[in-house]
Amino acid sequence: MEKPVPSILIWGFVLLFTCNLFIEEINAQNWLSGHSTFYGVNQDPSTFGGACGYDNPYHAGFGVNTAALSSALFRNGQACGACYRVRCNHNLDRRWCLPHGAVTVTATNFCPPNNHGGWCDEPRQHFDMSMPAFLRIARQGNEGVVPVLYTRVACRRRGGVRFTLKGQANFNMVMISNVGGSGDINSVSIRGSRTRTWLPMYRNWGVNWQSHNDLRSQTLSFRLTLVDGKTMEFINVVPSAWRFGQTFASRRQFY
């Protein structure tokens, strides 16, 4: 009669198998090393539009899983809207890191350097997260810095890309939000219903793009190219009766 395998050996095998899968996942996705902190305990993550220019990141479709990036990651605002999968590096900090804690965050702000060896100084890769996002990877009570592993991932958004019209007369500024795919925008063009060609827009700051053409009382279309090279046109997404301050959601989305 065969003897049953001790349960401790079975659980040991399961643990080893799980750990191997975790290591394989890290290796397969080219994870990089960095660190993370979190915003103040009583601060509302919806208020951190900051350097990216989102009026309200929560209403922009990002929820509370947002982060301010250090100089090395922010790329002068080009990283706004990009998504990162972040894991607390439990091997380096077993006290505060959750064993398999992970969260996907959207870059919505800039963590300014202090040029005195701070965590957001060059060349450090740092994520200053909202508190709800941080507590997905680390234990509550830690008010310091935790080591993390991170990788770029595709942004998955509900609904289509959104366009919020700002500015006045000959100065048009458009805030573009809820962008899927790579999430970070490389270039934008605009076309009015009485315009024959696509007109280039220029990054004003973060996710706000501007042009100096008077396109009032025209139906507006946009062409977006993401940092990964994917291009999509949003034809007649804004009706001719638009007003400054209005937001229009398209039916198209990057994946």
Protein backbone atom coordinates (compact mmCIF):
# COMPACT_ATOMS: atom_id res chain seq x y z
CA MET A 1 0.00 0.00 0.00
CA GLU A 2 1.38 3.41 -1.03
CA LYS A 3 2.00 5.95 1.69
CA PRO A 4 0.24 9.33 1.31
CA VAL A 5 2.43 12.29 0.49
CA PRO A 6 2.83 14.54 3.56
CA SER A 7 0.76 17.69 3.26
CA ILE A 8 3.77 19.86 4.12
CA LEU A 9 5.50 18.59 0.96
CA ILE A 10 2.43 19.37 -1.14
CA TRP A 11 2.20 22.92 0.20
CA GLY A 12 5.93 23.34 -0.29
CA PHE A 13 5.58 22.33 -3.93
CA VAL A 14 2.64 24.71 -4.43
CA LEU A 15 4.61 27.58 -2.87
CA LEU A 16 7.64 26.84 -5.02
CA PHE A 17 5.49 26.63 -8.16
CA THR A 18 3.77 29.94 -7.33
CA CYS A 19 7.08 31.67 -6.70
CA ASN A 20 8.47 30.38 -9.99
CA LEU A 21 5.44 31.73 -11.86
CA PHE A 22 5.91 35.10 -10.17
CA ILE A 23 9.60 35.19 -11.14
CA GLU A 24 8.82 34.12 -14.72
CA GLU A 25 6.21 36.88 -15.03
CA ILE A 26 8.71 39.48 -13.82
CA ASN A 27 11.38 38.28 -16.25
CA ALA A 28 8.95 38.07 -19.19
CA GLN A 29 7.76 41.67 -18.83
CA ASN A 30 11.15 43.37 -18.39
CA TRP A 31 10.45 44.76 -14.95
CA LEU A 32 12.65 47.63 -13.78
CA SER A 33 13.61 48.71 -10.28
CA GLY A 34 12.37 51.86 -8.58
CA HIS A 35 10.80 53.18 -5.37
CA SER A 36 7.44 54.51 -4.25
CA THR A 37 5.87 56.75 -1.64
CA PHE A 38 2.33 58.13 -1.34
CA TYR A 39 0.50 61.45 -1.16
CA GLY A 40 -0.54 62.79 2.23
CA VAL A 41 -3.10 60.77 4.17
CA ASN A 42 -5.81 63.41 4.02
CA GLN A 43 -5.22 64.51 0.45
CA ASP A 44 -7.87 63.72 -2.16
CA PRO A 45 -6.35 61.99 -5.24
CA SER A 46 -8.98 63.66 -7.44
CA THR A 47 -7.19 66.98 -6.88
CA PHE A 48 -3.87 65.87 -8.34
CA GLY A 49 -4.23 66.98 -11.95
CA GLY A 50 -1.07 68.94 -11.36
CA ALA A 51 1.57 69.06 -14.07
CA CYS A 52 -0.47 66.92 -16.45
CA GLY A 53 -3.38 69.36 -16.46
CA TYR A 54 -6.23 66.98 -15.71
CA ASP A 55 -9.01 69.02 -14.09
CA ASN A 56 -10.02 65.99 -12.04
CA PRO A 57 -8.15 62.68 -12.62
CA TYR A 58 -10.98 60.70 -11.01
CA HIS A 59 -13.62 62.09 -13.38
CA ALA A 60 -11.14 61.86 -16.27
CA GLY A 61 -11.49 58.09 -16.03
CA PHE A 62 -8.46 57.16 -13.96
CA GLY A 63 -10.07 56.49 -10.59
CA VAL A 64 -7.79 56.68 -7.54
CA ASN A 65 -4.96 54.61 -9.01
CA THR A 66 -2.79 57.56 -10.01
CA ALA A 67 0.81 58.60 -9.46
CA ALA A 68 3.19 61.52 -9.81
CA LEU A 69 6.38 60.52 -11.64
CA SER A 70 9.95 61.53 -10.97
CA SER A 71 11.93 63.52 -13.55
CA ALA A 72 13.44 60.40 -15.10
CA LEU A 73 9.98 59.01 -15.90
CA PHE A 74 7.93 62.16 -16.53
CA ARG A 75 9.69 63.10 -19.78
CA ASN A 76 8.65 66.77 -19.57
CA GLY A 77 4.98 65.84 -19.61
CA GLN A 78 5.05 63.35 -22.45
CA ALA A 79 4.44 60.50 -19.98
CA CYS A 80 1.08 61.95 -18.89
CA GLY A 81 -1.63 59.32 -19.30
CA ALA A 82 0.81 56.40 -19.46
CA CYS A 83 0.10 53.29 -17.39
CA TYR A 84 2.50 51.33 -15.22
CA ARG A 85 2.14 48.04 -13.41
CA VAL A 86 3.89 48.43 -10.06
CA ARG A 87 4.81 45.70 -7.57
CA CYS A 88 6.31 46.14 -4.15
CA ASN A 89 9.66 44.33 -4.09
CA HIS A 90 9.00 41.94 -1.21
CA ASN A 91 12.48 40.43 -1.50
CA LEU A 92 14.02 43.78 -0.52
CA ASP A 93 11.47 44.88 2.08
CA ARG A 94 9.57 42.06 3.76
CA ARG A 95 8.36 44.27 6.58
CA TRP A 96 6.25 46.71 4.56
CA CYS A 97 5.73 45.12 1.14
CA LEU A 98 2.66 42.97 0.61
CA PRO A 99 3.93 39.58 -0.67
CA HIS A 100 2.13 39.80 -4.02
CA GLY A 101 0.92 43.40 -3.90
CA ALA A 102 0.52 44.97 -7.34
CA VAL A 103 -1.39 47.89 -8.86
CA THR A 104 -1.75 49.57 -12.24
CA VAL A 105 -1.41 53.36 -11.99
CA THR A 106 -1.81 56.20 -14.48
CA ALA A 107 0.72 59.03 -14.63
CA THR A 108 -1.23 62.20 -13.79
CA ASN A 109 1.34 64.45 -12.13
CA PHE A 110 5.01 65.35 -11.71
CA CYS A 111 7.03 64.68 -8.58
CA PRO A 112 9.41 67.67 -8.55
CA PRO A 113 13.09 67.18 -7.71
CA ASN A 114 14.67 69.08 -4.85
CA ASN A 115 18.21 68.59 -6.22
CA HIS A 116 19.43 67.49 -2.81
CA GLY A 117 19.32 63.73 -3.23
CA GLY A 118 15.52 63.45 -3.01
CA TRP A 119 13.65 60.44 -4.34
CA CYS A 120 12.36 62.39 -7.33
CA ASP A 121 15.80 63.66 -8.36
CA GLU A 122 17.54 62.35 -11.47
CA PRO A 123 18.20 59.56 -12.21
CA ARG A 124 15.84 57.86 -9.74
CA GLN A 125 12.73 56.06 -10.98
CA HIS A 126 10.07 57.02 -8.46
CA PHE A 127 6.27 56.81 -8.13
CA ASP A 128 4.52 59.11 -5.66
CA MET A 129 1.13 57.37 -5.54
CA SER A 130 -2.26 58.24 -4.18
CA MET A 131 -2.72 56.55 -0.82
CA PRO A 132 -5.39 54.05 -2.07
CA ALA A 133 -3.01 52.92 -4.82
CA PHE A 134 -0.04 52.67 -2.46
CA LEU A 135 -1.99 50.48 -0.03
CA ARG A 136 -2.50 47.95 -2.81
CA ILE A 137 1.22 47.15 -2.66
CA ALA A 138 2.37 48.02 0.87
CA ARG A 139 1.12 47.69 4.43
CA GLN A 140 -0.64 50.55 6.14
CA GLY A 141 1.48 52.35 8.69
CA ASN A 142 4.58 52.73 6.58
CA GLU A 143 5.26 56.40 5.99
CA GLY A 144 8.58 55.85 4.28
CA VAL A 145 9.74 54.58 0.92
CA VAL A 146 9.32 51.06 -0.45
CA PRO A 147 11.30 49.43 -3.25
CA VAL A 148 9.22 48.47 -6.30
CA LEU A 149 9.42 46.71 -9.62
CA TYR A 150 7.57 48.37 -12.49
CA THR A 151 6.80 47.91 -16.19
CA ARG A 152 4.82 49.78 -18.84
CA VAL A 153 1.44 48.23 -19.64
CA ALA A 154 -1.46 49.07 -21.95
CA CYS A 155 -4.08 51.41 -20.51
CA ARG A 156 -7.59 49.97 -20.47
CA ARG A 157 -10.28 52.65 -20.44
CA ARG A 158 -14.05 52.59 -20.29
CA GLY A 159 -15.72 54.45 -23.13
CA GLY A 160 -14.00 56.55 -25.74
CA VAL A 161 -11.33 59.23 -25.77
CA ARG A 162 -12.58 62.56 -24.35
CA PHE A 163 -11.96 66.10 -25.56
CA THR A 164 -12.47 69.11 -23.27
CA LEU A 165 -12.45 72.47 -25.06
CA LYS A 166 -10.72 75.41 -23.40
CA GLY A 167 -9.34 78.77 -24.48
CA GLN A 168 -10.95 81.65 -26.32
CA ALA A 169 -11.35 83.07 -29.85
CA ASN A 170 -8.09 82.44 -31.73
CA PHE A 171 -6.56 80.43 -28.93
CA ASN A 172 -7.92 76.90 -28.77
CA MET A 173 -6.74 74.55 -26.05
CA VAL A 174 -8.00 70.98 -25.76
CA MET A 175 -7.54 68.67 -22.81
CA ILE A 176 -7.44 65.08 -24.05
CA SER A 177 -8.24 62.39 -21.50
CA ASN A 178 -9.31 58.75 -21.07
CA VAL A 179 -6.80 57.59 -23.67
CA GLY A 180 -6.26 53.83 -23.89
CA GLY A 181 -3.39 51.90 -25.45
CA SER A 182 -0.02 53.33 -24.49
CA GLY A 183 -1.95 56.29 -23.03
CA ASP A 184 0.73 58.90 -23.69
CA ILE A 185 0.20 61.20 -26.69
CA ASN A 186 3.02 62.13 -29.07
CA SER A 187 1.18 64.46 -31.47
CA VAL A 188 -2.26 65.95 -32.16
CA SER A 189 -3.85 67.55 -35.21
CA ILE A 190 -7.19 69.34 -35.46
CA ARG A 191 -9.50 69.98 -38.42
CA GLY A 192 -12.61 72.14 -38.63
CA SER A 193 -15.52 71.46 -40.97
CA ARG A 194 -14.42 74.46 -43.06
CA THR A 195 -10.75 73.53 -42.93
CA ARG A 196 -9.30 71.56 -45.80
CA THR A 197 -6.22 70.24 -44.06
CA TRP A 198 -5.19 68.89 -40.68
CA LEU A 199 -3.67 71.63 -38.52
CA PRO A 200 -0.93 70.65 -36.04
CA MET A 201 -1.52 71.32 -32.36
CA TYR A 202 1.26 71.94 -29.86
CA ARG A 203 1.59 70.68 -26.33
CA ASN A 204 0.78 73.55 -24.00
CA TRP A 205 1.41 71.51 -20.84
CA GLY A 206 0.73 67.89 -19.95
CA VAL A 207 -2.39 66.69 -21.77
CA ASN A 208 -3.43 70.18 -22.94
CA TRP A 209 -2.84 70.89 -26.63
CA GLN A 210 -3.22 74.25 -28.34
CA SER A 211 -3.64 75.89 -31.74
CA HIS A 212 -4.06 79.51 -32.81
CA ASN A 213 -6.77 78.95 -35.41
CA ASP A 214 -10.29 80.31 -35.05
CA LEU A 215 -12.44 77.20 -35.34
CA ARG A 216 -15.57 78.47 -33.64
CA SER A 217 -18.91 77.37 -35.11
CA GLN A 218 -17.19 74.49 -36.89
CA THR A 219 -17.52 70.75 -36.37
CA LEU A 220 -14.17 69.53 -35.05
CA SER A 221 -12.16 66.40 -35.79
CA PHE A 222 -8.91 65.24 -34.19
CA ARG A 223 -6.03 63.00 -35.19
CA LEU A 224 -4.02 61.51 -32.33
CA THR A 225 -0.71 59.67 -32.53
CA LEU A 226 0.47 57.93 -29.38
CA VAL A 227 4.08 57.49 -28.30
CA ASP A 228 3.98 53.88 -29.50
CA GLY A 229 3.13 55.11 -33.03
CA LYS A 230 -0.55 54.14 -33.16
CA THR A 231 -2.69 56.77 -34.91
CA MET A 232 -6.46 57.23 -34.81
CA GLU A 233 -8.81 59.84 -36.26
CA PHE A 234 -11.87 61.10 -34.40
CA ILE A 235 -14.04 62.55 -37.15
CA ASN A 236 -16.71 65.13 -36.27
CA VAL A 237 -16.45 64.26 -32.57
CA VAL A 238 -17.31 67.85 -31.58
CA PRO A 239 -20.51 69.42 -33.03
CA SER A 240 -20.48 72.93 -34.49
CA ALA A 241 -22.49 74.33 -31.56
CA TRP A 242 -19.69 73.60 -29.08
CA ARG A 243 -18.73 76.05 -26.36
CA PHE A 244 -15.55 76.50 -24.37
CA GLY A 245 -15.65 74.41 -21.21
CA GLN A 246 -17.60 71.51 -22.74
CA THR A 247 -16.37 67.90 -22.87
CA PHE A 248 -17.18 65.54 -25.74
CA ALA A 249 -16.64 61.79 -25.59
CA SER A 250 -15.89 59.86 -28.75
CA ARG A 251 -16.93 56.31 -29.52
CA ARG A 252 -13.41 55.29 -30.47
CA GLN A 253 -10.63 54.06 -28.25
CA PHE A 254 -7.02 52.85 -28.44
CA TYR A 255 -6.31 49.28 -27.36
